[in-house]
Structure formats: C-alpha cells, structure tokens
Amino acid sequence: MGRQEDMSPGWPGAARVARVVAIIAAVALSACGRPGEPDPRQGDGGLELSFEDNPAPSVFQLEGEAVRDTPDGAAGLWAAVSGLDRPERAEAVNVGTRKRVSLALYRARGSGPAIRLSNEAADALGVKDQPVNVRITALRRRPVVDTR
C-alpha cells in the first residue's frame, strides 16, 4: 500500500503545518521571560553587543573653513560639503576649540562655501558669524562585544 494521505478538509497537509506552527510558537514563547527578570539560561555571565563610531578618514575627510547656514535653514545636525559621493555619517571637529559633533553629511549643490553647517551643528561647534576651521571625517559603526 502507498502512504496514507492527510484527509483534513481544505489544503493537503494543513494539519501538519498547524502542528509545526504550534511547535515554533511554543519554542518562541518559552524563550520569553517577564520584563525585568534575568534570563535564567544566562547565569551570571553573558554577552552584550553594542556599536561604537570609528573615524574612517579613508572614506571621507575634509578640513576647511565652515560657515553657518542661513537663519531659516533646515533643522537638525548636518553639514553640506563639496566632493562627497554619497551621504555619510560624520564627525565634525572645530580645529581651534576641539568641540565635536556627530552629524549627517550631504553633498553641497551649486557653488558656495566648501563646508556649510546647519545652525544646530554650528552652535555645537561654536561657529558664529565668521568662518571657522573645521575637520569633517566620515564615521563607520563597529560592533563591540562585552562579556560580563
């Protein structure tokens, strides 16, 4: 005799699929603990994964005079620069004061200053009405594993 077919109404194999889904759900729920309770499977030790920003000058770096955007410019922490291939995450440093800020980096359109800072970024770096020497370096995130 051949193999016995699932005689469930509707889609062939529906009962088998339902059993597999129930098993997966039970396993997933068993991994859940109550909020605030330590995971008993971890014991005293464990791993914690975080990410840290690292300068990537090989991706993009520019130093030059930066100016503040117009008073009614777009909000947020950003800078517009010439010579950028694609948007980047970056760190801007006021070379004179060493003040730093992480920001979004965009390609400048048209002619204008080599580095244009949003008003929020300019405030963070101490840039007022006069141009200030700023170094901008692309950032890359790197995973960091902490063992407890």
N, C-alpha and C. Protein backbone atom coordinates (compact mmCIF):
# COMPACT_ATOMS: atom_id res chain seq x y z
N MET A 1 0.82 -1.18 0.00
CA MET A 1 0.00 0.00 0.00
C MET A 1 0.87 1.24 0.00
N GLY A 2 0.35 2.29 -0.55
CA GLY A 2 1.06 3.56 -0.59
C GLY A 2 0.95 4.30 0.73
N ARG A 3 1.51 5.46 0.77
CA ARG A 3 1.46 6.23 2.02
C ARG A 3 0.08 6.82 2.21
N GLN A 4 -0.28 7.00 3.44
CA GLN A 4 -1.61 7.49 3.76
C GLN A 4 -1.63 9.00 3.61
N GLU A 5 -2.60 9.51 2.93
CA GLU A 5 -2.73 10.95 2.71
C GLU A 5 -3.46 11.59 3.87
N ASP A 6 -3.11 12.85 4.17
CA ASP A 6 -3.81 13.62 5.19
C ASP A 6 -5.20 13.92 4.66
N MET A 7 -6.21 13.52 5.40
CA MET A 7 -7.58 13.67 4.93
C MET A 7 -8.24 14.91 5.53
N SER A 8 -7.48 15.89 5.98
CA SER A 8 -8.05 17.12 6.54
C SER A 8 -8.77 17.87 5.45
N PRO A 9 -9.89 18.50 5.82
CA PRO A 9 -10.61 19.28 4.81
C PRO A 9 -9.74 20.46 4.37
N GLY A 10 -9.88 20.86 3.16
CA GLY A 10 -9.15 22.02 2.65
C GLY A 10 -7.80 21.63 2.08
N TRP A 11 -6.82 22.38 2.39
CA TRP A 11 -5.48 22.28 1.83
C TRP A 11 -4.78 21.00 2.30
N PRO A 12 -4.18 20.19 1.39
CA PRO A 12 -3.48 18.97 1.80
C PRO A 12 -2.30 19.32 2.71
N GLY A 13 -2.15 18.60 3.82
CA GLY A 13 -1.05 18.82 4.73
C GLY A 13 -1.30 19.93 5.73
N ALA A 14 -2.53 20.43 5.81
CA ALA A 14 -2.83 21.55 6.70
C ALA A 14 -2.61 21.19 8.16
N ALA A 15 -2.94 19.97 8.53
CA ALA A 15 -2.76 19.54 9.92
C ALA A 15 -1.28 19.51 10.27
N ARG A 16 -0.44 19.05 9.38
CA ARG A 16 0.99 19.00 9.62
C ARG A 16 1.55 20.41 9.77
N VAL A 17 1.12 21.32 8.92
CA VAL A 17 1.58 22.71 9.00
C VAL A 17 1.14 23.32 10.33
N ALA A 18 -0.09 23.05 10.76
CA ALA A 18 -0.59 23.59 12.02
C ALA A 18 0.24 23.08 13.20
N ARG A 19 0.65 21.81 13.17
CA ARG A 19 1.47 21.26 14.25
C ARG A 19 2.84 21.95 14.28
N VAL A 20 3.44 22.16 13.12
CA VAL A 20 4.75 22.80 13.05
C VAL A 20 4.66 24.24 13.58
N VAL A 21 3.62 24.96 13.20
CA VAL A 21 3.44 26.33 13.67
C VAL A 21 3.27 26.35 15.18
N ALA A 22 2.51 25.40 15.74
CA ALA A 22 2.31 25.33 17.18
C ALA A 22 3.62 25.06 17.91
N ILE A 23 4.45 24.20 17.37
CA ILE A 23 5.74 23.90 17.98
C ILE A 23 6.64 25.12 17.96
N ILE A 24 6.70 25.81 16.83
CA ILE A 24 7.53 27.01 16.71
C ILE A 24 7.06 28.08 17.70
N ALA A 25 5.75 28.26 17.82
CA ALA A 25 5.21 29.25 18.75
C ALA A 25 5.56 28.89 20.18
N ALA A 26 5.47 27.60 20.54
CA ALA A 26 5.80 27.18 21.90
C ALA A 26 7.26 27.42 22.22
N VAL A 27 8.14 27.14 21.27
CA VAL A 27 9.58 27.37 21.49
C VAL A 27 9.85 28.86 21.64
N ALA A 28 9.24 29.68 20.80
CA ALA A 28 9.45 31.13 20.86
C ALA A 28 8.96 31.69 22.19
N LEU A 29 7.80 31.26 22.64
CA LEU A 29 7.26 31.75 23.90
C LEU A 29 8.06 31.27 25.10
N SER A 30 8.65 30.11 25.02
CA SER A 30 9.44 29.61 26.15
C SER A 30 10.71 30.43 26.34
N ALA A 31 11.16 31.11 25.30
CA ALA A 31 12.36 31.94 25.40
C ALA A 31 12.05 33.30 26.02
N CYS A 32 10.77 33.62 26.14
CA CYS A 32 10.38 34.92 26.69
C CYS A 32 10.32 34.86 28.20
N GLY A 33 10.88 35.85 28.85
CA GLY A 33 10.77 35.96 30.30
C GLY A 33 9.92 37.15 30.64
N ARG A 34 9.71 37.35 31.88
CA ARG A 34 8.97 38.53 32.31
C ARG A 34 9.91 39.73 32.28
N PRO A 35 9.39 40.92 31.94
CA PRO A 35 10.25 42.11 31.91
C PRO A 35 10.91 42.34 33.26
N GLY A 36 12.18 42.64 33.21
CA GLY A 36 12.92 42.95 34.42
C GLY A 36 13.53 41.74 35.10
N GLU A 37 13.13 40.54 34.71
CA GLU A 37 13.70 39.34 35.29
C GLU A 37 14.91 38.90 34.49
N PRO A 38 15.97 38.46 35.17
CA PRO A 38 17.14 37.98 34.42
C PRO A 38 16.79 36.68 33.71
N ASP A 39 17.45 36.43 32.63
CA ASP A 39 17.26 35.20 31.86
C ASP A 39 17.97 34.07 32.61
N PRO A 40 17.22 33.07 33.09
CA PRO A 40 17.86 32.01 33.87
C PRO A 40 18.86 31.20 33.06
N ARG A 41 18.76 31.22 31.75
CA ARG A 41 19.69 30.45 30.92
C ARG A 41 21.04 31.12 30.82
N GLN A 42 21.13 32.42 31.16
CA GLN A 42 22.40 33.12 31.04
C GLN A 42 23.32 32.92 32.24
N GLY A 43 22.77 32.63 33.39
CA GLY A 43 23.60 32.51 34.58
C GLY A 43 24.17 33.87 34.95
N ASP A 44 25.38 33.89 35.49
CA ASP A 44 25.99 35.15 35.90
C ASP A 44 26.65 35.88 34.74
N GLY A 45 27.13 35.14 33.77
CA GLY A 45 27.82 35.76 32.64
C GLY A 45 26.87 36.02 31.49
N GLY A 46 27.36 36.65 30.48
CA GLY A 46 26.55 36.91 29.31
C GLY A 46 27.33 37.76 28.32
N LEU A 47 26.70 38.04 27.23
CA LEU A 47 27.29 38.89 26.21
C LEU A 47 26.39 40.09 25.99
N GLU A 48 27.02 41.22 25.77
CA GLU A 48 26.27 42.42 25.43
C GLU A 48 26.89 42.99 24.16
N LEU A 49 26.05 43.23 23.17
CA LEU A 49 26.52 43.76 21.89
C LEU A 49 26.13 45.23 21.80
N SER A 50 27.11 46.06 21.50
CA SER A 50 26.85 47.47 21.26
C SER A 50 27.66 47.89 20.04
N PHE A 51 27.46 49.11 19.62
CA PHE A 51 28.17 49.61 18.45
C PHE A 51 28.85 50.92 18.81
N GLU A 52 30.06 51.10 18.29
CA GLU A 52 30.77 52.35 18.55
C GLU A 52 31.19 52.96 17.22
N ASP A 53 31.16 54.30 17.19
CA ASP A 53 31.56 55.02 15.99
C ASP A 53 33.07 55.10 15.91
N ASN A 54 33.60 54.87 14.74
CA ASN A 54 35.04 54.99 14.50
C ASN A 54 35.28 55.89 13.31
N PRO A 55 36.23 56.81 13.43
CA PRO A 55 36.56 57.66 12.29
C PRO A 55 37.06 56.81 11.11
N ALA A 56 36.64 57.19 9.91
CA ALA A 56 37.06 56.49 8.70
C ALA A 56 37.56 57.52 7.69
N PRO A 57 38.76 58.07 7.92
CA PRO A 57 39.27 59.09 7.00
C PRO A 57 39.48 58.57 5.59
N SER A 58 39.67 57.26 5.42
CA SER A 58 39.86 56.73 4.07
C SER A 58 38.56 56.80 3.27
N VAL A 59 37.42 56.88 3.96
CA VAL A 59 36.14 57.02 3.27
C VAL A 59 35.92 58.46 2.85
N PHE A 60 36.08 59.38 3.81
CA PHE A 60 35.95 60.80 3.51
C PHE A 60 36.53 61.62 4.65
N GLN A 61 37.34 62.62 4.30
CA GLN A 61 37.84 63.58 5.27
C GLN A 61 38.09 64.90 4.55
N LEU A 62 37.70 65.98 5.19
CA LEU A 62 37.85 67.32 4.61
C LEU A 62 38.11 68.29 5.74
N GLU A 63 39.08 69.17 5.54
CA GLU A 63 39.33 70.23 6.50
C GLU A 63 39.28 71.55 5.76
N GLY A 64 38.59 72.51 6.34
CA GLY A 64 38.49 73.80 5.71
C GLY A 64 37.61 74.73 6.51
N GLU A 65 37.37 75.92 5.94
CA GLU A 65 36.55 76.91 6.62
C GLU A 65 35.07 76.54 6.49
N ALA A 66 34.40 76.54 7.63
CA ALA A 66 32.98 76.21 7.67
C ALA A 66 32.19 77.46 8.01
N VAL A 67 31.04 77.61 7.38
CA VAL A 67 30.15 78.73 7.67
C VAL A 67 28.80 78.19 8.13
N ARG A 68 28.11 79.03 8.84
CA ARG A 68 26.77 78.72 9.35
C ARG A 68 25.76 78.86 8.22
N ASP A 69 24.73 78.00 8.22
CA ASP A 69 23.65 78.07 7.24
C ASP A 69 22.82 79.34 7.49
N THR A 70 21.92 79.63 6.58
CA THR A 70 21.05 80.79 6.75
C THR A 70 20.16 80.61 7.98
N PRO A 71 19.70 81.70 8.58
CA PRO A 71 18.89 81.59 9.79
C PRO A 71 17.63 80.73 9.63
N ASP A 72 17.07 80.71 8.46
CA ASP A 72 15.85 79.92 8.23
C ASP A 72 16.16 78.57 7.57
N GLY A 73 17.41 78.09 7.72
CA GLY A 73 17.82 76.82 7.12
C GLY A 73 17.16 75.62 7.78
N ALA A 74 17.38 74.47 7.19
CA ALA A 74 16.78 73.22 7.69
C ALA A 74 17.32 72.88 9.07
N ALA A 75 16.45 72.33 9.91
CA ALA A 75 16.81 71.95 11.27
C ALA A 75 17.62 70.66 11.27
N GLY A 76 18.24 70.35 12.39
CA GLY A 76 18.96 69.10 12.54
C GLY A 76 20.47 69.31 12.56
N LEU A 77 21.16 68.22 12.79
CA LEU A 77 22.63 68.22 12.80
C LEU A 77 23.11 67.70 11.45
N TRP A 78 23.59 68.60 10.59
CA TRP A 78 24.05 68.20 9.27
C TRP A 78 25.10 69.19 8.77
N ALA A 79 25.81 68.76 7.74
CA ALA A 79 26.75 69.62 7.03
C ALA A 79 26.66 69.30 5.55
N ALA A 80 26.84 70.30 4.73
CA ALA A 80 26.89 70.12 3.28
C ALA A 80 28.30 70.44 2.82
N VAL A 81 28.89 69.52 2.05
CA VAL A 81 30.27 69.69 1.59
C VAL A 81 30.35 69.39 0.11
N SER A 82 31.38 69.91 -0.52
CA SER A 82 31.61 69.59 -1.92
C SER A 82 32.49 68.35 -1.99
N GLY A 83 32.38 67.61 -3.08
CA GLY A 83 33.24 66.45 -3.30
C GLY A 83 32.80 65.18 -2.62
N LEU A 84 31.58 65.12 -2.15
CA LEU A 84 31.08 63.93 -1.46
C LEU A 84 30.32 63.06 -2.46
N ASP A 85 30.63 61.75 -2.49
CA ASP A 85 29.97 60.85 -3.43
C ASP A 85 28.55 60.48 -3.00
N ARG A 86 28.36 60.24 -1.71
CA ARG A 86 27.05 59.85 -1.19
C ARG A 86 26.93 60.34 0.24
N PRO A 87 25.71 60.44 0.77
CA PRO A 87 25.55 60.87 2.16
C PRO A 87 26.29 59.94 3.12
N GLU A 88 26.77 60.50 4.20
CA GLU A 88 27.56 59.76 5.19
C GLU A 88 27.19 60.21 6.59
N ARG A 89 27.48 59.39 7.56
CA ARG A 89 27.52 59.81 8.95
C ARG A 89 28.93 60.33 9.18
N ALA A 90 29.05 61.41 9.93
CA ALA A 90 30.37 62.00 10.09
C ALA A 90 30.50 62.69 11.44
N GLU A 91 31.74 63.01 11.76
CA GLU A 91 32.04 63.80 12.94
C GLU A 91 32.71 65.08 12.47
N ALA A 92 32.24 66.20 13.00
CA ALA A 92 32.85 67.49 12.69
C ALA A 92 33.57 67.97 13.94
N VAL A 93 34.78 68.49 13.77
CA VAL A 93 35.59 68.98 14.88
C VAL A 93 36.00 70.41 14.58
N ASN A 94 35.73 71.30 15.52
CA ASN A 94 36.25 72.66 15.43
C ASN A 94 37.73 72.55 15.77
N VAL A 95 38.60 72.82 14.80
CA VAL A 95 40.04 72.62 14.97
C VAL A 95 40.60 73.51 16.08
N GLY A 96 40.06 74.69 16.25
CA GLY A 96 40.57 75.61 17.26
C GLY A 96 40.15 75.25 18.68
N THR A 97 38.91 74.82 18.88
CA THR A 97 38.40 74.56 20.23
C THR A 97 38.30 73.07 20.56
N ARG A 98 38.43 72.21 19.57
CA ARG A 98 38.29 70.75 19.72
C ARG A 98 36.86 70.31 20.06
N LYS A 99 35.88 71.20 19.94
CA LYS A 99 34.48 70.80 20.13
C LYS A 99 34.11 69.85 19.00
N ARG A 100 33.29 68.84 19.33
CA ARG A 100 32.93 67.80 18.37
C ARG A 100 31.42 67.63 18.30
N VAL A 101 30.95 67.18 17.14
CA VAL A 101 29.54 66.82 17.00
C VAL A 101 29.42 65.78 15.88
N SER A 102 28.55 64.79 16.11
CA SER A 102 28.23 63.83 15.05
C SER A 102 27.08 64.39 14.25
N LEU A 103 27.14 64.20 12.94
CA LEU A 103 26.12 64.78 12.08
C LEU A 103 25.95 63.99 10.79
N ALA A 104 24.92 64.34 10.05
CA ALA A 104 24.71 63.78 8.72
C ALA A 104 25.45 64.65 7.73
N LEU A 105 26.09 64.02 6.78
CA LEU A 105 26.90 64.74 5.80
C LEU A 105 26.29 64.57 4.42
N TYR A 106 26.06 65.69 3.75
CA TYR A 106 25.43 65.68 2.42
C TYR A 106 26.31 66.42 1.42
N ARG A 107 26.08 66.14 0.12
CA ARG A 107 26.80 66.83 -0.94
C ARG A 107 26.16 68.20 -1.16
N ALA A 108 26.99 69.23 -1.19
CA ALA A 108 26.52 70.59 -1.44
C ALA A 108 26.14 70.74 -2.90
N ARG A 109 25.11 71.47 -3.14
CA ARG A 109 24.66 71.74 -4.51
C ARG A 109 25.09 73.15 -4.91
N GLY A 110 25.53 73.28 -6.14
CA GLY A 110 25.92 74.59 -6.65
C GLY A 110 27.22 75.09 -6.03
N SER A 111 27.46 76.38 -6.22
CA SER A 111 28.68 76.97 -5.68
C SER A 111 28.40 77.50 -4.28
N GLY A 112 29.44 77.75 -3.58
CA GLY A 112 29.28 78.24 -2.21
C GLY A 112 30.47 77.81 -1.38
N PRO A 113 30.34 77.92 -0.07
CA PRO A 113 31.46 77.56 0.80
C PRO A 113 31.73 76.06 0.74
N ALA A 114 32.97 75.70 1.03
CA ALA A 114 33.36 74.28 1.00
C ALA A 114 32.60 73.48 2.05
N ILE A 115 32.33 74.09 3.22
CA ILE A 115 31.60 73.41 4.29
C ILE A 115 30.52 74.36 4.82
N ARG A 116 29.27 73.91 4.75
CA ARG A 116 28.15 74.68 5.28
C ARG A 116 27.51 73.86 6.39
N LEU A 117 27.43 74.43 7.60
CA LEU A 117 26.89 73.74 8.76
C LEU A 117 25.47 74.18 9.06
N SER A 118 24.65 73.24 9.49
CA SER A 118 23.32 73.61 9.98
C SER A 118 23.50 74.49 11.20
N ASN A 119 22.46 75.22 11.55
CA ASN A 119 22.56 76.10 12.71
C ASN A 119 22.80 75.32 13.99
N GLU A 120 22.19 74.15 14.13
CA GLU A 120 22.41 73.33 15.33
C GLU A 120 23.84 72.82 15.39
N ALA A 121 24.38 72.38 14.27
CA ALA A 121 25.77 71.91 14.24
C ALA A 121 26.72 73.08 14.51
N ALA A 122 26.43 74.24 13.93
CA ALA A 122 27.27 75.41 14.15
C ALA A 122 27.27 75.80 15.62
N ASP A 123 26.11 75.76 16.26
CA ASP A 123 26.03 76.07 17.70
C ASP A 123 26.87 75.09 18.51
N ALA A 124 26.77 73.79 18.18
CA ALA A 124 27.52 72.76 18.91
C ALA A 124 29.03 72.95 18.77
N LEU A 125 29.46 73.47 17.61
CA LEU A 125 30.89 73.66 17.35
C LEU A 125 31.39 75.05 17.71
N GLY A 126 30.48 75.93 18.10
CA GLY A 126 30.88 77.30 18.45
C GLY A 126 31.13 78.18 17.25
N VAL A 127 30.50 77.88 16.12
CA VAL A 127 30.66 78.69 14.90
C VAL A 127 29.61 79.80 14.93
N LYS A 128 30.06 81.03 14.92
CA LYS A 128 29.14 82.18 14.95
C LYS A 128 28.99 82.73 13.53
N ASP A 129 29.26 84.03 13.36
CA ASP A 129 29.08 84.67 12.06
C ASP A 129 30.30 84.57 11.15
N GLN A 130 31.48 84.32 11.71
CA GLN A 130 32.70 84.25 10.93
C GLN A 130 33.06 82.79 10.63
N PRO A 131 33.66 82.51 9.47
CA PRO A 131 34.10 81.14 9.16
C PRO A 131 35.09 80.61 10.19
N VAL A 132 35.02 79.31 10.44
CA VAL A 132 35.88 78.64 11.42
C VAL A 132 36.47 77.41 10.76
N ASN A 133 37.72 77.09 11.07
CA ASN A 133 38.37 75.91 10.52
C ASN A 133 37.79 74.65 11.18
N VAL A 134 37.24 73.76 10.34
CA VAL A 134 36.57 72.54 10.81
C VAL A 134 37.12 71.35 10.03
N ARG A 135 37.28 70.22 10.74
CA ARG A 135 37.67 68.97 10.08
C ARG A 135 36.48 68.02 10.16
N ILE A 136 36.10 67.47 9.02
CA ILE A 136 34.98 66.54 8.95
C ILE A 136 35.51 65.19 8.50
N THR A 137 35.15 64.15 9.26
CA THR A 137 35.61 62.79 8.98
C THR A 137 34.42 61.85 8.99
N ALA A 138 34.32 61.00 7.98
CA ALA A 138 33.25 60.00 7.93
C ALA A 138 33.38 59.05 9.11
N LEU A 139 32.25 58.51 9.54
CA LEU A 139 32.21 57.54 10.64
C LEU A 139 31.69 56.21 10.14
N ARG A 140 32.20 55.15 10.75
CA ARG A 140 31.70 53.81 10.50
C ARG A 140 31.42 53.17 11.85
N ARG A 141 30.33 52.43 11.93
CA ARG A 141 29.99 51.74 13.19
C ARG A 141 30.68 50.39 13.22
N ARG A 142 31.22 50.07 14.40
CA ARG A 142 31.90 48.80 14.59
C ARG A 142 31.26 48.10 15.78
N PRO A 143 30.93 46.81 15.64
CA PRO A 143 30.33 46.10 16.76
C PRO A 143 31.36 45.86 17.87
N VAL A 144 30.89 45.97 19.10
CA VAL A 144 31.73 45.73 20.27
C VAL A 144 31.00 44.72 21.15
N VAL A 145 31.65 43.60 21.44
CA VAL A 145 31.06 42.56 22.29
C VAL A 145 31.66 42.69 23.67
N ASP A 146 30.78 42.84 24.68
CA ASP A 146 31.22 42.95 26.06
C ASP A 146 30.81 41.69 26.79
N THR A 147 31.77 40.99 27.36
CA THR A 147 31.46 39.80 28.15
C THR A 147 31.42 40.21 29.61
N ARG A 148 30.33 39.84 30.24
CA ARG A 148 30.16 40.22 31.65
C ARG A 148 30.74 39.19 32.56
